[in-house]
Amino acid sequence: MAAAPGRRHHRPGHRRRRHRADRPHPRPRPRHPQVTWLGGWGPGTGVGIPLAADPLAAGLACVAAALTLAALAFSWRYFTEIQAIFHALILLFLASMCAFVYTGDLFDAFVFFELMSVVAFALTGYRSEEPATVHGALNFGIVQSLGAYLTLAGIALVYGRTGQLGLAALGRHLSGAAPTGAPAP
């Protein structure tokens, strides 16, 4: 009996290779975010800017980038003369939105939110020759500043209660779990 080209005979006593469909499926690994620390600081120092990339944050950053692209496309038709400062402000707004969704620290999230606000003030009042634009930017600035003070007060209350600002450490502390590397109480 001749074997088909490219196939081997099964020899008795010889172990056959399993086909891919016959192999057991590996258990899915838990997904941990990819974390990087800006400024040369690390997790043990208590200072620094942690950026954590997980699937949700990456998806939100992609949505922000898509909306920014749509805003740029819309503004191309809306404004007759767009100066380079407008494009720089839009890109700075996108960078602060991406940093906001990637941050792993509550205070840094506040800082990136404030950066978004400052750029939004400038974009709201971009056409400064129109009084309504300046009035709208001023109203926006006042309301957002009040919200920022309340947000900062909330962050201070959370820090006073937990002693933590990192989002992962806050989650562990508020769930009652022991901190990483510390014995359980």
N, C-alpha and C. Protein backbone atom coordinates (compact mmCIF):
# COMPACT_ATOMS: atom_id res chain seq x y z
N MET A 1 0.84 -1.15 0.00
CA MET A 1 0.00 0.00 0.00
C MET A 1 0.90 1.24 0.00
N ALA A 2 0.73 2.06 -0.99
CA ALA A 2 1.58 3.24 -1.13
C ALA A 2 0.97 4.41 -0.36
N ALA A 3 1.84 5.18 0.25
CA ALA A 3 1.39 6.35 1.02
C ALA A 3 1.16 7.52 0.08
N ALA A 4 0.24 8.34 0.47
CA ALA A 4 -0.02 9.55 -0.32
C ALA A 4 1.20 10.45 -0.25
N PRO A 5 1.48 11.17 -1.32
CA PRO A 5 2.65 12.05 -1.30
C PRO A 5 2.57 13.05 -0.14
N GLY A 6 3.67 13.19 0.57
CA GLY A 6 3.73 14.14 1.67
C GLY A 6 3.22 13.59 2.98
N ARG A 7 2.75 12.33 3.00
CA ARG A 7 2.25 11.74 4.24
C ARG A 7 3.14 10.58 4.64
N ARG A 8 3.26 10.38 5.92
CA ARG A 8 4.05 9.26 6.43
C ARG A 8 3.10 8.17 6.93
N HIS A 9 3.64 6.95 6.90
CA HIS A 9 2.89 5.85 7.50
C HIS A 9 2.97 5.96 9.00
N HIS A 10 1.92 5.55 9.67
CA HIS A 10 1.95 5.48 11.12
C HIS A 10 2.60 4.16 11.50
N ARG A 11 3.70 4.25 12.21
CA ARG A 11 4.39 3.04 12.65
C ARG A 11 3.86 2.62 14.01
N PRO A 12 3.66 1.36 14.19
CA PRO A 12 3.21 0.89 15.50
C PRO A 12 4.25 1.23 16.57
N GLY A 13 3.79 1.67 17.72
CA GLY A 13 4.68 2.01 18.81
C GLY A 13 5.25 3.42 18.70
N HIS A 14 5.04 4.07 17.58
CA HIS A 14 5.53 5.42 17.37
C HIS A 14 4.41 6.40 17.70
N ARG A 15 4.74 7.40 18.44
CA ARG A 15 3.73 8.37 18.85
C ARG A 15 3.40 9.33 17.71
N ARG A 16 2.15 9.43 17.41
CA ARG A 16 1.72 10.36 16.37
C ARG A 16 1.58 11.76 16.93
N ARG A 17 1.85 12.71 16.09
CA ARG A 17 1.66 14.11 16.49
C ARG A 17 0.17 14.43 16.50
N ARG A 18 -0.20 15.20 17.46
CA ARG A 18 -1.59 15.63 17.51
C ARG A 18 -1.82 16.74 16.51
N HIS A 19 -2.97 16.72 15.93
CA HIS A 19 -3.36 17.83 15.07
C HIS A 19 -3.72 19.01 15.95
N ARG A 20 -3.68 20.18 15.39
CA ARG A 20 -3.98 21.39 16.15
C ARG A 20 -5.37 21.33 16.78
N ALA A 21 -6.33 20.77 16.07
CA ALA A 21 -7.69 20.69 16.60
C ALA A 21 -7.77 19.72 17.76
N ASP A 22 -6.84 18.75 17.84
CA ASP A 22 -6.87 17.77 18.92
C ASP A 22 -6.20 18.29 20.19
N ARG A 23 -5.41 19.32 20.09
CA ARG A 23 -4.69 19.84 21.26
C ARG A 23 -5.65 20.57 22.18
N PRO A 24 -5.41 20.46 23.47
CA PRO A 24 -6.27 21.23 24.40
C PRO A 24 -5.96 22.71 24.26
N HIS A 25 -7.00 23.50 24.40
CA HIS A 25 -6.84 24.95 24.28
C HIS A 25 -6.16 25.48 25.53
N PRO A 26 -5.18 26.37 25.36
CA PRO A 26 -4.54 26.93 26.55
C PRO A 26 -5.50 27.87 27.27
N ARG A 27 -5.34 27.94 28.57
CA ARG A 27 -6.17 28.84 29.34
C ARG A 27 -5.79 30.27 29.01
N PRO A 28 -6.79 31.13 28.88
CA PRO A 28 -6.45 32.53 28.57
C PRO A 28 -5.72 33.15 29.75
N ARG A 29 -4.68 33.91 29.45
CA ARG A 29 -3.92 34.59 30.48
C ARG A 29 -4.66 35.85 30.91
N PRO A 30 -4.56 36.17 32.19
CA PRO A 30 -5.19 37.43 32.60
C PRO A 30 -4.45 38.59 31.96
N ARG A 31 -5.20 39.59 31.55
CA ARG A 31 -4.59 40.74 30.90
C ARG A 31 -4.19 41.78 31.93
N HIS A 32 -2.92 42.09 31.94
CA HIS A 32 -2.42 43.15 32.81
C HIS A 32 -2.03 44.32 31.93
N PRO A 33 -2.28 45.53 32.40
CA PRO A 33 -1.93 46.68 31.56
C PRO A 33 -0.42 46.82 31.43
N GLN A 34 -0.01 47.36 30.31
CA GLN A 34 1.39 47.69 30.08
C GLN A 34 1.65 49.04 30.73
N VAL A 35 2.54 49.10 31.71
CA VAL A 35 2.76 50.33 32.48
C VAL A 35 4.15 50.87 32.21
N THR A 36 4.23 52.16 31.98
CA THR A 36 5.52 52.84 31.86
C THR A 36 5.48 54.08 32.75
N TRP A 37 6.63 54.44 33.30
CA TRP A 37 6.72 55.58 34.20
C TRP A 37 7.50 56.69 33.51
N LEU A 38 6.92 57.86 33.43
CA LEU A 38 7.60 59.02 32.84
C LEU A 38 8.44 59.72 33.89
N GLY A 39 9.46 60.40 33.45
CA GLY A 39 10.28 61.20 34.35
C GLY A 39 11.37 60.44 35.05
N GLY A 40 11.58 59.17 34.72
CA GLY A 40 12.65 58.40 35.34
C GLY A 40 12.33 57.89 36.73
N TRP A 41 11.12 58.08 37.20
CA TRP A 41 10.73 57.60 38.52
C TRP A 41 10.10 56.23 38.37
N GLY A 42 10.04 55.51 39.45
CA GLY A 42 9.46 54.18 39.41
C GLY A 42 8.35 54.01 40.42
N PRO A 43 7.78 52.81 40.48
CA PRO A 43 6.65 52.60 41.37
C PRO A 43 7.01 52.66 42.85
N GLY A 44 8.24 52.41 43.21
CA GLY A 44 8.61 52.41 44.62
C GLY A 44 8.86 53.79 45.19
N THR A 45 8.96 54.81 44.36
CA THR A 45 9.32 56.14 44.85
C THR A 45 8.12 56.95 45.34
N GLY A 46 6.94 56.62 44.86
CA GLY A 46 5.75 57.36 45.26
C GLY A 46 5.51 58.61 44.43
N VAL A 47 6.43 58.94 43.54
CA VAL A 47 6.24 60.08 42.64
C VAL A 47 6.43 59.59 41.22
N GLY A 48 6.01 60.38 40.29
CA GLY A 48 6.15 60.01 38.88
C GLY A 48 4.80 60.02 38.19
N ILE A 49 4.85 59.78 36.90
CA ILE A 49 3.64 59.77 36.10
C ILE A 49 3.50 58.39 35.46
N PRO A 50 2.66 57.53 36.04
CA PRO A 50 2.47 56.21 35.43
C PRO A 50 1.45 56.28 34.29
N LEU A 51 1.79 55.69 33.17
CA LEU A 51 0.86 55.56 32.06
C LEU A 51 0.58 54.08 31.87
N ALA A 52 -0.67 53.68 31.97
CA ALA A 52 -1.06 52.27 31.89
C ALA A 52 -1.91 52.06 30.65
N ALA A 53 -1.44 51.19 29.77
CA ALA A 53 -2.16 50.90 28.52
C ALA A 53 -2.84 49.55 28.65
N ASP A 54 -4.14 49.56 28.69
CA ASP A 54 -4.93 48.34 28.66
C ASP A 54 -5.88 48.45 27.47
N PRO A 55 -6.62 47.39 27.14
CA PRO A 55 -7.49 47.47 25.96
C PRO A 55 -8.52 48.59 26.01
N LEU A 56 -9.08 48.86 27.17
CA LEU A 56 -10.07 49.93 27.27
C LEU A 56 -9.44 51.30 27.01
N ALA A 57 -8.29 51.56 27.63
CA ALA A 57 -7.62 52.84 27.42
C ALA A 57 -7.19 53.00 25.97
N ALA A 58 -6.69 51.94 25.37
CA ALA A 58 -6.28 52.02 23.96
C ALA A 58 -7.49 52.29 23.07
N GLY A 59 -8.61 51.67 23.37
CA GLY A 59 -9.83 51.91 22.59
C GLY A 59 -10.31 53.35 22.73
N LEU A 60 -10.27 53.88 23.96
CA LEU A 60 -10.69 55.26 24.17
C LEU A 60 -9.74 56.25 23.48
N ALA A 61 -8.45 55.94 23.49
CA ALA A 61 -7.49 56.81 22.79
C ALA A 61 -7.74 56.78 21.28
N CYS A 62 -8.10 55.62 20.75
CA CYS A 62 -8.42 55.53 19.31
C CYS A 62 -9.69 56.31 18.99
N VAL A 63 -10.68 56.25 19.86
CA VAL A 63 -11.91 57.03 19.65
C VAL A 63 -11.60 58.52 19.68
N ALA A 64 -10.75 58.95 20.64
CA ALA A 64 -10.37 60.36 20.71
C ALA A 64 -9.63 60.79 19.45
N ALA A 65 -8.76 59.93 18.94
CA ALA A 65 -8.02 60.25 17.71
C ALA A 65 -8.97 60.34 16.52
N ALA A 66 -9.94 59.44 16.45
CA ALA A 66 -10.91 59.48 15.34
C ALA A 66 -11.77 60.74 15.41
N LEU A 67 -12.20 61.12 16.61
CA LEU A 67 -13.00 62.34 16.75
C LEU A 67 -12.17 63.59 16.45
N THR A 68 -10.90 63.57 16.80
CA THR A 68 -10.02 64.69 16.48
C THR A 68 -9.84 64.81 14.97
N LEU A 69 -9.69 63.69 14.31
CA LEU A 69 -9.58 63.70 12.84
C LEU A 69 -10.86 64.25 12.22
N ALA A 70 -12.01 63.85 12.76
CA ALA A 70 -13.28 64.37 12.26
C ALA A 70 -13.39 65.87 12.50
N ALA A 71 -12.93 66.34 13.65
CA ALA A 71 -12.97 67.78 13.94
C ALA A 71 -12.06 68.55 13.00
N LEU A 72 -10.90 67.99 12.70
CA LEU A 72 -10.00 68.65 11.75
C LEU A 72 -10.61 68.70 10.36
N ALA A 73 -11.26 67.62 9.95
CA ALA A 73 -11.90 67.60 8.63
C ALA A 73 -13.05 68.60 8.57
N PHE A 74 -13.83 68.70 9.64
CA PHE A 74 -14.94 69.65 9.67
C PHE A 74 -14.42 71.09 9.68
N SER A 75 -13.37 71.34 10.44
CA SER A 75 -12.87 72.71 10.55
C SER A 75 -12.23 73.18 9.25
N TRP A 76 -11.76 72.27 8.44
CA TRP A 76 -11.17 72.64 7.17
C TRP A 76 -12.19 73.38 6.30
N ARG A 77 -13.42 72.93 6.34
CA ARG A 77 -14.47 73.55 5.55
C ARG A 77 -15.06 74.78 6.24
N TYR A 78 -15.07 74.77 7.58
CA TYR A 78 -15.73 75.82 8.35
C TYR A 78 -14.93 77.11 8.35
N PHE A 79 -13.64 77.01 8.61
CA PHE A 79 -12.80 78.20 8.68
C PHE A 79 -12.24 78.52 7.30
N THR A 80 -12.28 79.79 6.94
CA THR A 80 -11.70 80.19 5.66
C THR A 80 -10.18 80.27 5.78
N GLU A 81 -9.71 80.78 6.89
CA GLU A 81 -8.27 80.86 7.13
C GLU A 81 -7.95 80.18 8.45
N ILE A 82 -7.25 79.09 8.37
CA ILE A 82 -6.83 78.41 9.59
C ILE A 82 -5.33 78.62 9.73
N GLN A 83 -4.94 79.14 10.86
CA GLN A 83 -3.53 79.34 11.11
C GLN A 83 -2.93 78.10 11.75
N ALA A 84 -1.63 78.04 11.78
CA ALA A 84 -0.94 76.87 12.33
C ALA A 84 -1.22 76.68 13.81
N ILE A 85 -1.53 77.76 14.52
CA ILE A 85 -1.81 77.64 15.95
C ILE A 85 -3.04 76.79 16.19
N PHE A 86 -4.02 76.82 15.29
CA PHE A 86 -5.22 76.02 15.44
C PHE A 86 -4.86 74.53 15.39
N HIS A 87 -4.04 74.14 14.43
CA HIS A 87 -3.64 72.74 14.34
C HIS A 87 -2.82 72.31 15.55
N ALA A 88 -1.97 73.20 16.03
CA ALA A 88 -1.18 72.88 17.22
C ALA A 88 -2.08 72.70 18.44
N LEU A 89 -3.09 73.55 18.57
CA LEU A 89 -4.02 73.42 19.70
C LEU A 89 -4.82 72.12 19.61
N ILE A 90 -5.26 71.77 18.42
CA ILE A 90 -6.01 70.52 18.25
C ILE A 90 -5.13 69.32 18.61
N LEU A 91 -3.89 69.32 18.17
CA LEU A 91 -3.01 68.19 18.48
C LEU A 91 -2.65 68.15 19.97
N LEU A 92 -2.51 69.30 20.59
CA LEU A 92 -2.27 69.34 22.04
C LEU A 92 -3.49 68.83 22.79
N PHE A 93 -4.67 69.16 22.30
CA PHE A 93 -5.90 68.65 22.91
C PHE A 93 -5.97 67.13 22.79
N LEU A 94 -5.60 66.59 21.63
CA LEU A 94 -5.57 65.14 21.45
C LEU A 94 -4.54 64.49 22.38
N ALA A 95 -3.37 65.08 22.48
CA ALA A 95 -2.34 64.52 23.37
C ALA A 95 -2.79 64.51 24.81
N SER A 96 -3.45 65.57 25.26
CA SER A 96 -3.92 65.60 26.64
C SER A 96 -5.07 64.62 26.87
N MET A 97 -5.92 64.41 25.86
CA MET A 97 -6.98 63.40 26.00
C MET A 97 -6.38 62.00 26.09
N CYS A 98 -5.40 61.70 25.26
CA CYS A 98 -4.77 60.38 25.30
C CYS A 98 -4.04 60.17 26.62
N ALA A 99 -3.33 61.18 27.10
CA ALA A 99 -2.65 61.07 28.39
C ALA A 99 -3.67 60.88 29.52
N PHE A 100 -4.81 61.53 29.41
CA PHE A 100 -5.86 61.39 30.43
C PHE A 100 -6.37 59.95 30.50
N VAL A 101 -6.58 59.30 29.35
CA VAL A 101 -7.11 57.93 29.40
C VAL A 101 -6.03 56.92 29.75
N TYR A 102 -4.76 57.24 29.51
CA TYR A 102 -3.68 56.30 29.82
C TYR A 102 -3.11 56.46 31.23
N THR A 103 -3.41 57.55 31.92
CA THR A 103 -2.77 57.78 33.20
C THR A 103 -3.20 56.74 34.24
N GLY A 104 -2.30 56.44 35.14
CA GLY A 104 -2.59 55.48 36.20
C GLY A 104 -2.61 56.13 37.56
N ASP A 105 -2.75 57.44 37.60
CA ASP A 105 -2.68 58.18 38.84
C ASP A 105 -3.80 59.22 38.87
N LEU A 106 -4.44 59.38 39.99
CA LEU A 106 -5.59 60.28 40.09
C LEU A 106 -5.19 61.74 39.95
N PHE A 107 -4.08 62.13 40.56
CA PHE A 107 -3.66 63.53 40.45
C PHE A 107 -3.20 63.85 39.02
N ASP A 108 -2.50 62.92 38.39
CA ASP A 108 -2.08 63.15 37.01
C ASP A 108 -3.28 63.22 36.07
N ALA A 109 -4.32 62.47 36.37
CA ALA A 109 -5.55 62.58 35.58
C ALA A 109 -6.13 63.99 35.70
N PHE A 110 -6.07 64.56 36.91
CA PHE A 110 -6.53 65.93 37.11
C PHE A 110 -5.67 66.91 36.31
N VAL A 111 -4.35 66.71 36.31
CA VAL A 111 -3.45 67.61 35.58
C VAL A 111 -3.74 67.54 34.08
N PHE A 112 -3.92 66.32 33.54
CA PHE A 112 -4.20 66.20 32.12
C PHE A 112 -5.59 66.74 31.78
N PHE A 113 -6.53 66.63 32.71
CA PHE A 113 -7.85 67.21 32.50
C PHE A 113 -7.76 68.73 32.45
N GLU A 114 -6.95 69.31 33.32
CA GLU A 114 -6.75 70.75 33.30
C GLU A 114 -6.06 71.20 32.02
N LEU A 115 -5.11 70.41 31.53
CA LEU A 115 -4.47 70.74 30.26
C LEU A 115 -5.48 70.72 29.12
N MET A 116 -6.38 69.73 29.14
CA MET A 116 -7.46 69.72 28.15
C MET A 116 -8.30 70.98 28.26
N SER A 117 -8.57 71.41 29.49
CA SER A 117 -9.42 72.59 29.70
C SER A 117 -8.76 73.85 29.17
N VAL A 118 -7.48 74.03 29.43
CA VAL A 118 -6.78 75.22 28.96
C VAL A 118 -6.79 75.28 27.44
N VAL A 119 -6.55 74.14 26.80
CA VAL A 119 -6.58 74.10 25.34
C VAL A 119 -8.00 74.33 24.85
N ALA A 120 -8.99 73.80 25.56
CA ALA A 120 -10.38 74.02 25.16
C ALA A 120 -10.77 75.49 25.28
N PHE A 121 -10.26 76.19 26.31
CA PHE A 121 -10.52 77.63 26.41
C PHE A 121 -10.00 78.34 25.17
N ALA A 122 -8.77 78.01 24.79
CA ALA A 122 -8.16 78.66 23.62
C ALA A 122 -8.93 78.33 22.34
N LEU A 123 -9.37 77.09 22.22
CA LEU A 123 -10.12 76.70 21.02
C LEU A 123 -11.51 77.34 21.00
N THR A 124 -12.12 77.50 22.17
CA THR A 124 -13.44 78.13 22.23
C THR A 124 -13.35 79.59 21.82
N GLY A 125 -12.30 80.27 22.23
CA GLY A 125 -12.13 81.67 21.87
C GLY A 125 -11.20 81.87 20.69
N TYR A 126 -11.13 80.90 19.79
CA TYR A 126 -10.19 80.98 18.67
C TYR A 126 -10.45 82.19 17.79
N ARG A 127 -11.70 82.46 17.52
CA ARG A 127 -12.04 83.65 16.71
C ARG A 127 -12.27 84.81 17.66
N SER A 128 -11.19 85.40 18.12
CA SER A 128 -11.29 86.42 19.15
C SER A 128 -11.86 87.74 18.65
N GLU A 129 -11.99 87.90 17.34
CA GLU A 129 -12.57 89.14 16.83
C GLU A 129 -14.08 89.19 17.01
N GLU A 130 -14.71 88.04 17.31
CA GLU A 130 -16.15 88.01 17.55
C GLU A 130 -16.42 88.05 19.05
N PRO A 131 -17.22 89.01 19.53
CA PRO A 131 -17.46 89.13 20.97
C PRO A 131 -18.16 87.91 21.57
N ALA A 132 -19.03 87.27 20.82
CA ALA A 132 -19.74 86.10 21.35
C ALA A 132 -18.77 84.96 21.64
N THR A 133 -17.75 84.83 20.83
CA THR A 133 -16.76 83.78 21.05
C THR A 133 -15.98 84.02 22.33
N VAL A 134 -15.57 85.25 22.55
CA VAL A 134 -14.83 85.59 23.76
C VAL A 134 -15.72 85.42 24.99
N HIS A 135 -16.98 85.83 24.88
CA HIS A 135 -17.92 85.67 25.99
C HIS A 135 -18.13 84.19 26.32
N GLY A 136 -18.28 83.37 25.30
CA GLY A 136 -18.45 81.93 25.53
C GLY A 136 -17.21 81.30 26.16
N ALA A 137 -16.03 81.71 25.73
CA ALA A 137 -14.79 81.18 26.32
C ALA A 137 -14.66 81.59 27.78
N LEU A 138 -15.05 82.83 28.09
CA LEU A 138 -14.99 83.30 29.47
C LEU A 138 -15.97 82.53 30.35
N ASN A 139 -17.20 82.34 29.89
CA ASN A 139 -18.18 81.55 30.66
C ASN A 139 -17.70 80.12 30.86
N PHE A 140 -17.17 79.55 29.81
CA PHE A 140 -16.64 78.19 29.88
C PHE A 140 -15.51 78.10 30.90
N GLY A 141 -14.63 79.09 30.90
CA GLY A 141 -13.50 79.10 31.84
C GLY A 141 -13.95 79.20 33.28
N ILE A 142 -14.94 80.03 33.55
CA ILE A 142 -15.42 80.20 34.92
C ILE A 142 -16.09 78.93 35.43
N VAL A 143 -16.98 78.36 34.64
CA VAL A 143 -17.69 77.14 35.06
C VAL A 143 -16.72 75.97 35.23
N GLN A 144 -15.78 75.85 34.31
CA GLN A 144 -14.82 74.75 34.40
C GLN A 144 -13.89 74.93 35.59
N SER A 145 -13.52 76.16 35.92
CA SER A 145 -12.65 76.40 37.07
C SER A 145 -13.35 76.00 38.37
N LEU A 146 -14.63 76.30 38.48
CA LEU A 146 -15.37 75.87 39.67
C LEU A 146 -15.41 74.34 39.75
N GLY A 147 -15.65 73.69 38.62
CA GLY A 147 -15.63 72.23 38.60
C GLY A 147 -14.26 71.67 38.94
N ALA A 148 -13.21 72.34 38.51
CA ALA A 148 -11.85 71.87 38.81
C ALA A 148 -11.56 71.97 40.30
N TYR A 149 -12.00 73.04 40.94
CA TYR A 149 -11.80 73.16 42.39
C TYR A 149 -12.53 72.05 43.14
N LEU A 150 -13.73 71.74 42.73
CA LEU A 150 -14.48 70.66 43.38
C LEU A 150 -13.82 69.30 43.13
N THR A 151 -13.31 69.10 41.92
CA THR A 151 -12.61 67.86 41.62
C THR A 151 -11.35 67.72 42.47
N LEU A 152 -10.60 68.80 42.59
CA LEU A 152 -9.39 68.76 43.41
C LEU A 152 -9.73 68.51 44.87
N ALA A 153 -10.84 69.07 45.36
CA ALA A 153 -11.27 68.79 46.73
C ALA A 153 -11.64 67.32 46.89
N GLY A 154 -12.28 66.74 45.88
CA GLY A 154 -12.59 65.31 45.93
C GLY A 154 -11.35 64.45 45.93
N ILE A 155 -10.35 64.82 45.14
CA ILE A 155 -9.09 64.07 45.12
C ILE A 155 -8.41 64.17 46.49
N ALA A 156 -8.47 65.35 47.11
CA ALA A 156 -7.88 65.51 48.45
C ALA A 156 -8.61 64.63 49.47
N LEU A 157 -9.92 64.53 49.37
CA LEU A 157 -10.68 63.66 50.28
C LEU A 157 -10.32 62.20 50.08
N VAL A 158 -10.18 61.78 48.84
CA VAL A 158 -9.80 60.39 48.56
C VAL A 158 -8.40 60.11 49.09
N TYR A 159 -7.49 61.05 48.90
CA TYR A 159 -6.12 60.87 49.40
C TYR A 159 -6.11 60.84 50.93
N GLY A 160 -6.90 61.70 51.57
CA GLY A 160 -6.98 61.70 53.02
C GLY A 160 -7.54 60.40 53.57
N ARG A 161 -8.45 59.79 52.84
CA ARG A 161 -9.08 58.54 53.29
C ARG A 161 -8.18 57.34 53.05
N THR A 162 -7.48 57.31 51.91
CA THR A 162 -6.73 56.11 51.53
C THR A 162 -5.22 56.28 51.62
N GLY A 163 -4.72 57.51 51.49
CA GLY A 163 -3.28 57.71 51.46
C GLY A 163 -2.66 57.31 50.13
N GLN A 164 -3.48 57.10 49.12
CA GLN A 164 -3.02 56.66 47.80
C GLN A 164 -3.57 57.58 46.73
N LEU A 165 -2.81 57.72 45.63
CA LEU A 165 -3.32 58.42 44.46
C LEU A 165 -3.26 57.54 43.21
N GLY A 166 -2.47 56.48 43.24
CA GLY A 166 -2.41 55.56 42.11
C GLY A 166 -3.73 54.81 41.98
N LEU A 167 -4.22 54.68 40.75
CA LEU A 167 -5.52 54.04 40.55
C LEU A 167 -5.51 52.57 40.95
N ALA A 168 -4.42 51.85 40.66
CA ALA A 168 -4.33 50.44 41.03
C ALA A 168 -4.29 50.29 42.55
N ALA A 169 -3.50 51.12 43.22
CA ALA A 169 -3.41 51.06 44.68
C ALA A 169 -4.73 51.48 45.33
N LEU A 170 -5.41 52.46 44.73
CA LEU A 170 -6.73 52.86 45.24
C LEU A 170 -7.72 51.71 45.14
N GLY A 171 -7.70 51.02 44.02
CA GLY A 171 -8.60 49.88 43.83
C GLY A 171 -8.35 48.79 44.86
N ARG A 172 -7.06 48.49 45.10
CA ARG A 172 -6.74 47.47 46.10
C ARG A 172 -7.16 47.93 47.49
N HIS A 173 -6.89 49.19 47.81
CA HIS A 173 -7.21 49.70 49.15
C HIS A 173 -8.71 49.74 49.40
N LEU A 174 -9.46 50.22 48.42
CA LEU A 174 -10.90 50.33 48.61
C LEU A 174 -11.62 48.99 48.58
N SER A 175 -11.01 47.98 47.92
CA SER A 175 -11.62 46.65 47.91
C SER A 175 -11.29 45.87 49.17
N GLY A 176 -10.35 46.38 49.98
CA GLY A 176 -9.99 45.71 51.21
C GLY A 176 -8.87 44.71 51.04
N ALA A 177 -8.29 44.59 49.86
CA ALA A 177 -7.19 43.66 49.62
C ALA A 177 -5.91 44.22 50.21
N ALA A 178 -4.99 43.32 50.52
CA ALA A 178 -3.69 43.74 51.06
C ALA A 178 -2.86 44.36 49.95
N PRO A 179 -2.04 45.37 50.27
CA PRO A 179 -1.19 45.95 49.24
C PRO A 179 -0.21 44.91 48.71
N THR A 180 0.27 45.14 47.49
CA THR A 180 1.19 44.20 46.86
C THR A 180 2.45 44.10 47.71
N GLY A 181 2.82 42.87 48.04
CA GLY A 181 4.05 42.64 48.80
C GLY A 181 3.88 42.76 50.30
N ALA A 182 2.71 43.12 50.78
CA ALA A 182 2.50 43.26 52.23
C ALA A 182 1.65 42.07 52.71
N PRO A 183 1.92 41.64 53.94
CA PRO A 183 1.11 40.52 54.47
C PRO A 183 -0.32 40.95 54.72
N ALA A 184 -1.21 40.03 54.60
CA ALA A 184 -2.64 40.30 54.84
C ALA A 184 -2.86 40.54 56.33
N PRO A 185 -3.78 41.45 56.70
CA PRO A 185 -4.01 41.73 58.14
C PRO A 185 -4.70 40.58 58.83
